[in-house]
Amino acid sequence: MLVISVADLRFRARLETGIAPRTVAVLRGLLPLRSKIIQARWSGEAAWVPMGDLQLDLPVENATAYPGAGELLLYPGGHSETEILFPYGRTHFASTLGTLAGNHFATVVEGREQLAELGRRVLWEGAQEIQLEGEAPQPEG
């Protein structure tokens, strides 16, 4: 599981290891990740974590341009900079060059009721601190 914190908002997301194994492996190598999340400019009801020119050398894997709310994408760069897209509502992933497709690597399974508040904050309050961490496995038994 992936634990995501934006101020007092907490989300838990299932890592999509079965359909995006390389993307999940690369993301795990970046954890813990602390950055800023801001309103997307071209993608509708989504926020994004800019990662600049970070080179991830990822193939297209479970890619989409139309993620649902809470379906996180990792875009490894190319037509736009490397980023994590965090949709909180209706989203069409795009840049100034047009439609983009990002690798769907995680899905929010806890905290979905807070997605609208995440959107309100990034839109009306600006950049927010975000932290992504891997959750320690729970002991069996």
C-alpha atoms as a PDB file:
ATOM      1  CA  MET A   1       0.000   0.000   0.000  1.00  0.00           C
ATOM      2  CA  LEU A   2       0.949   3.594  -0.585  1.00  0.00           C
ATOM      3  CA  VAL A   3       0.227   6.157   2.138  1.00  0.00           C
ATOM      4  CA  ILE A   4      -0.305   9.694   0.864  1.00  0.00           C
ATOM      5  CA  SER A   5      -0.504  12.745   3.129  1.00  0.00           C
ATOM      6  CA  VAL A   6      -1.490  16.251   2.068  1.00  0.00           C
ATOM      7  CA  ALA A   7      -1.598  18.381   5.250  1.00  0.00           C
ATOM      8  CA  ASP A   8      -4.301  16.669   7.381  1.00  0.00           C
ATOM      9  CA  LEU A   9      -5.712  14.641   4.458  1.00  0.00           C
ATOM     10  CA  ARG A  10      -4.709  10.964   4.435  1.00  0.00           C
ATOM     11  CA  PHE A  11      -5.125   8.510   1.589  1.00  0.00           C
ATOM     12  CA  ARG A  12      -4.179   4.850   1.206  1.00  0.00           C
ATOM     13  CA  ALA A  13      -3.709   3.585  -2.315  1.00  0.00           C
ATOM     14  CA  ARG A  14      -3.374   0.054  -3.634  1.00  0.00           C
ATOM     15  CA  LEU A  15      -0.231  -0.331  -5.711  1.00  0.00           C
ATOM     16  CA  GLU A  16      -1.158  -1.879  -9.072  1.00  0.00           C
ATOM     17  CA  THR A  17       1.700  -4.394  -9.125  1.00  0.00           C
ATOM     18  CA  GLY A  18      -0.180  -6.860 -11.340  1.00  0.00           C
ATOM     19  CA  ILE A  19      -0.768  -4.429 -14.204  1.00  0.00           C
ATOM     20  CA  ALA A  20       2.094  -1.937 -13.765  1.00  0.00           C
ATOM     21  CA  PRO A  21       4.948  -3.881 -12.121  1.00  0.00           C
ATOM     22  CA  ARG A  22       7.860  -1.845 -13.499  1.00  0.00           C
ATOM     23  CA  THR A  23       6.186   1.467 -12.701  1.00  0.00           C
ATOM     24  CA  VAL A  24       5.438   0.342  -9.134  1.00  0.00           C
ATOM     25  CA  ALA A  25       9.050  -0.856  -8.725  1.00  0.00           C
ATOM     26  CA  VAL A  26      10.411   2.514  -9.908  1.00  0.00           C
ATOM     27  CA  LEU A  27       8.005   4.399  -7.644  1.00  0.00           C
ATOM     28  CA  ARG A  28       9.022   2.310  -4.628  1.00  0.00           C
ATOM     29  CA  GLY A  29      12.616   3.327  -5.336  1.00  0.00           C
ATOM     30  CA  LEU A  30      11.610   6.989  -5.019  1.00  0.00           C
ATOM     31  CA  LEU A  31       9.946   6.564  -1.610  1.00  0.00           C
ATOM     32  CA  PRO A  32       9.643   8.319   0.690  1.00  0.00           C
ATOM     33  CA  LEU A  33       8.801  11.201  -1.616  1.00  0.00           C
ATOM     34  CA  ARG A  34       8.210  14.694  -0.267  1.00  0.00           C
ATOM     35  CA  SER A  35       7.220  17.425  -2.666  1.00  0.00           C
ATOM     36  CA  LYS A  36       4.510  19.909  -3.596  1.00  0.00           C
ATOM     37  CA  ILE A  37       1.224  19.102  -5.306  1.00  0.00           C
ATOM     38  CA  ILE A  38      -0.458  21.777  -7.426  1.00  0.00           C
ATOM     39  CA  GLN A  39      -3.542  22.159  -9.599  1.00  0.00           C
ATOM     40  CA  ALA A  40      -3.079  20.703 -13.074  1.00  0.00           C
ATOM     41  CA  ARG A  41      -3.201  23.325 -15.802  1.00  0.00           C
ATOM     42  CA  TRP A  42      -4.519  21.292 -18.739  1.00  0.00           C
ATOM     43  CA  SER A  43      -6.014  18.112 -17.271  1.00  0.00           C
ATOM     44  CA  GLY A  44      -9.272  19.126 -15.609  1.00  0.00           C
ATOM     45  CA  GLU A  45     -10.019  18.008 -12.058  1.00  0.00           C
ATOM     46  CA  ALA A  46      -6.536  16.792 -11.200  1.00  0.00           C
ATOM     47  CA  ALA A  47      -3.488  17.847  -9.255  1.00  0.00           C
ATOM     48  CA  TRP A  48       0.095  17.000 -10.101  1.00  0.00           C
ATOM     49  CA  VAL A  49       3.470  16.547  -8.493  1.00  0.00           C
ATOM     50  CA  PRO A  50       6.104  18.034 -10.837  1.00  0.00           C
ATOM     51  CA  MET A  51       9.323  16.006 -11.016  1.00  0.00           C
ATOM     52  CA  GLY A  52      11.158  18.057 -13.640  1.00  0.00           C
ATOM     53  CA  ASP A  53      13.549  16.279 -15.969  1.00  0.00           C
ATOM     54  CA  LEU A  54      13.939  13.182 -13.761  1.00  0.00           C
ATOM     55  CA  GLN A  55      14.722  10.280 -16.109  1.00  0.00           C
ATOM     56  CA  LEU A  56      12.834   7.112 -15.149  1.00  0.00           C
ATOM     57  CA  ASP A  57      13.300   4.970 -18.276  1.00  0.00           C
ATOM     58  CA  LEU A  58       9.829   3.443 -18.022  1.00  0.00           C
ATOM     59  CA  PRO A  59       7.878   1.729 -20.773  1.00  0.00           C
ATOM     60  CA  VAL A  60       4.212   2.408 -21.441  1.00  0.00           C
ATOM     61  CA  GLU A  61       2.486   0.233 -18.855  1.00  0.00           C
ATOM     62  CA  ASN A  62      -1.246   0.258 -18.063  1.00  0.00           C
ATOM     63  CA  ALA A  63      -1.352   3.769 -19.545  1.00  0.00           C
ATOM     64  CA  THR A  64      -4.418   5.968 -19.807  1.00  0.00           C
ATOM     65  CA  ALA A  65      -5.313   9.551 -20.646  1.00  0.00           C
ATOM     66  CA  TYR A  66      -8.666   9.331 -18.814  1.00  0.00           C
ATOM     67  CA  PRO A  67      -8.013   8.214 -15.230  1.00  0.00           C
ATOM     68  CA  GLY A  68     -10.853   8.100 -12.743  1.00  0.00           C
ATOM     69  CA  ALA A  69     -10.807  10.012  -9.480  1.00  0.00           C
ATOM     70  CA  GLY A  70      -8.141   8.488  -7.249  1.00  0.00           C
ATOM     71  CA  GLU A  71      -6.341   6.629 -10.070  1.00  0.00           C
ATOM     72  CA  LEU A  72      -2.758   7.888  -9.826  1.00  0.00           C
ATOM     73  CA  LEU A  73      -0.607   8.121 -12.948  1.00  0.00           C
ATOM     74  CA  LEU A  74       3.147   8.318 -13.340  1.00  0.00           C
ATOM     75  CA  TYR A  75       4.189  10.078 -16.520  1.00  0.00           C
ATOM     76  CA  PRO A  76       7.872   9.303 -17.207  1.00  0.00           C
ATOM     77  CA  GLY A  77       8.470  12.396 -19.318  1.00  0.00           C
ATOM     78  CA  GLY A  78       8.754  12.951 -23.035  1.00  0.00           C
ATOM     79  CA  HIS A  79       6.258  15.496 -24.330  1.00  0.00           C
ATOM     80  CA  SER A  80       6.031  17.091 -20.902  1.00  0.00           C
ATOM     81  CA  GLU A  81       8.036  16.851 -17.697  1.00  0.00           C
ATOM     82  CA  THR A  82       8.061  13.822 -15.429  1.00  0.00           C
ATOM     83  CA  GLU A  83       5.150  13.934 -12.989  1.00  0.00           C
ATOM     84  CA  ILE A  84       2.661  12.137 -10.820  1.00  0.00           C
ATOM     85  CA  LEU A  85      -0.941  12.995 -11.715  1.00  0.00           C
ATOM     86  CA  PHE A  86      -3.471  12.768  -8.864  1.00  0.00           C
ATOM     87  CA  PRO A  87      -7.027  13.022 -10.288  1.00  0.00           C
ATOM     88  CA  TYR A  88      -9.711  14.127  -7.824  1.00  0.00           C
ATOM     89  CA  GLY A  89     -12.557  14.280 -10.380  1.00  0.00           C
ATOM     90  CA  ARG A  90     -13.132  14.253 -14.148  1.00  0.00           C
ATOM     91  CA  THR A  91      -9.731  14.204 -15.829  1.00  0.00           C
ATOM     92  CA  HIS A  92      -8.337  14.230 -19.356  1.00  0.00           C
ATOM     93  CA  PHE A  93      -4.554  14.076 -18.958  1.00  0.00           C
ATOM     94  CA  ALA A  94      -2.987  16.656 -21.268  1.00  0.00           C
ATOM     95  CA  SER A  95      -0.256  19.225 -21.806  1.00  0.00           C
ATOM     96  CA  THR A  96       0.164  22.191 -24.119  1.00  0.00           C
ATOM     97  CA  LEU A  97       0.927  19.650 -26.867  1.00  0.00           C
ATOM     98  CA  GLY A  98      -2.350  17.762 -26.360  1.00  0.00           C
ATOM     99  CA  THR A  99      -3.368  14.472 -24.806  1.00  0.00           C
ATOM    100  CA  LEU A 100      -0.846  12.510 -22.723  1.00  0.00           C
ATOM    101  CA  ALA A 101      -1.045   8.998 -21.312  1.00  0.00           C
ATOM    102  CA  GLY A 102       0.452   8.112 -17.956  1.00  0.00           C
ATOM    103  CA  ASN A 103       1.047   4.765 -16.289  1.00  0.00           C
ATOM    104  CA  HIS A 104      -1.748   3.989 -13.805  1.00  0.00           C
ATOM    105  CA  PHE A 105       0.256   2.657 -10.868  1.00  0.00           C
ATOM    106  CA  ALA A 106      -1.989   3.123  -7.801  1.00  0.00           C
ATOM    107  CA  THR A 107      -5.664   3.480  -6.871  1.00  0.00           C
ATOM    108  CA  VAL A 108      -6.948   5.275  -3.771  1.00  0.00           C
ATOM    109  CA  VAL A 109      -8.910   2.785  -1.671  1.00  0.00           C
ATOM    110  CA  GLU A 110      -9.163   4.741   1.604  1.00  0.00           C
ATOM    111  CA  GLY A 111      -9.826   8.457   1.865  1.00  0.00           C
ATOM    112  CA  ARG A 112     -11.815   8.733  -1.372  1.00  0.00           C
ATOM    113  CA  GLU A 113     -14.298  10.993   0.439  1.00  0.00           C
ATOM    114  CA  GLN A 114     -11.451  13.533   0.784  1.00  0.00           C
ATOM    115  CA  LEU A 115     -10.679  13.801  -2.954  1.00  0.00           C
ATOM    116  CA  ALA A 116     -13.007  16.793  -3.426  1.00  0.00           C
ATOM    117  CA  GLU A 117     -11.307  18.596  -0.518  1.00  0.00           C
ATOM    118  CA  LEU A 118      -7.889  17.905  -2.049  1.00  0.00           C
ATOM    119  CA  GLY A 119      -9.147  19.506  -5.255  1.00  0.00           C
ATOM    120  CA  ARG A 120     -10.563  22.523  -3.433  1.00  0.00           C
ATOM    121  CA  ARG A 121      -7.280  23.106  -1.626  1.00  0.00           C
ATOM    122  CA  VAL A 122      -4.976  22.910  -4.633  1.00  0.00           C
ATOM    123  CA  LEU A 123      -7.334  25.074  -6.674  1.00  0.00           C
ATOM    124  CA  TRP A 124      -8.121  27.760  -4.101  1.00  0.00           C
ATOM    125  CA  GLU A 125      -5.193  27.632  -1.688  1.00  0.00           C
ATOM    126  CA  GLY A 126      -2.367  26.798  -4.085  1.00  0.00           C
ATOM    127  CA  ALA A 127       0.554  24.408  -3.701  1.00  0.00           C
ATOM    128  CA  GLN A 128       0.295  21.891  -0.863  1.00  0.00           C
ATOM    129  CA  GLU A 129       2.952  19.750   0.796  1.00  0.00           C
ATOM    130  CA  ILE A 130       2.590  16.087  -0.176  1.00  0.00           C
ATOM    131  CA  GLN A 131       4.284  13.008   1.177  1.00  0.00           C
ATOM    132  CA  LEU A 132       4.143   9.511  -0.330  1.00  0.00           C
ATOM    133  CA  GLU A 133       5.398   6.571   1.701  1.00  0.00           C
ATOM    134  CA  GLY A 134       5.253   2.825   1.423  1.00  0.00           C
ATOM    135  CA  GLU A 135       3.288   1.190   4.176  1.00  0.00           C
ATOM    136  CA  ALA A 136       5.135  -1.409   6.213  1.00  0.00           C
ATOM    137  CA  PRO A 137       3.715  -4.897   5.672  1.00  0.00           C
ATOM    138  CA  GLN A 138       1.430  -6.061   8.449  1.00  0.00           C
ATOM    139  CA  PRO A 139       2.589  -9.145  10.335  1.00  0.00           C
ATOM    140  CA  GLU A 140       0.572 -12.261   9.614  1.00  0.00           C
ATOM    141  CA  GLY A 141      -1.349 -14.100  12.312  1.00  0.00           C
END
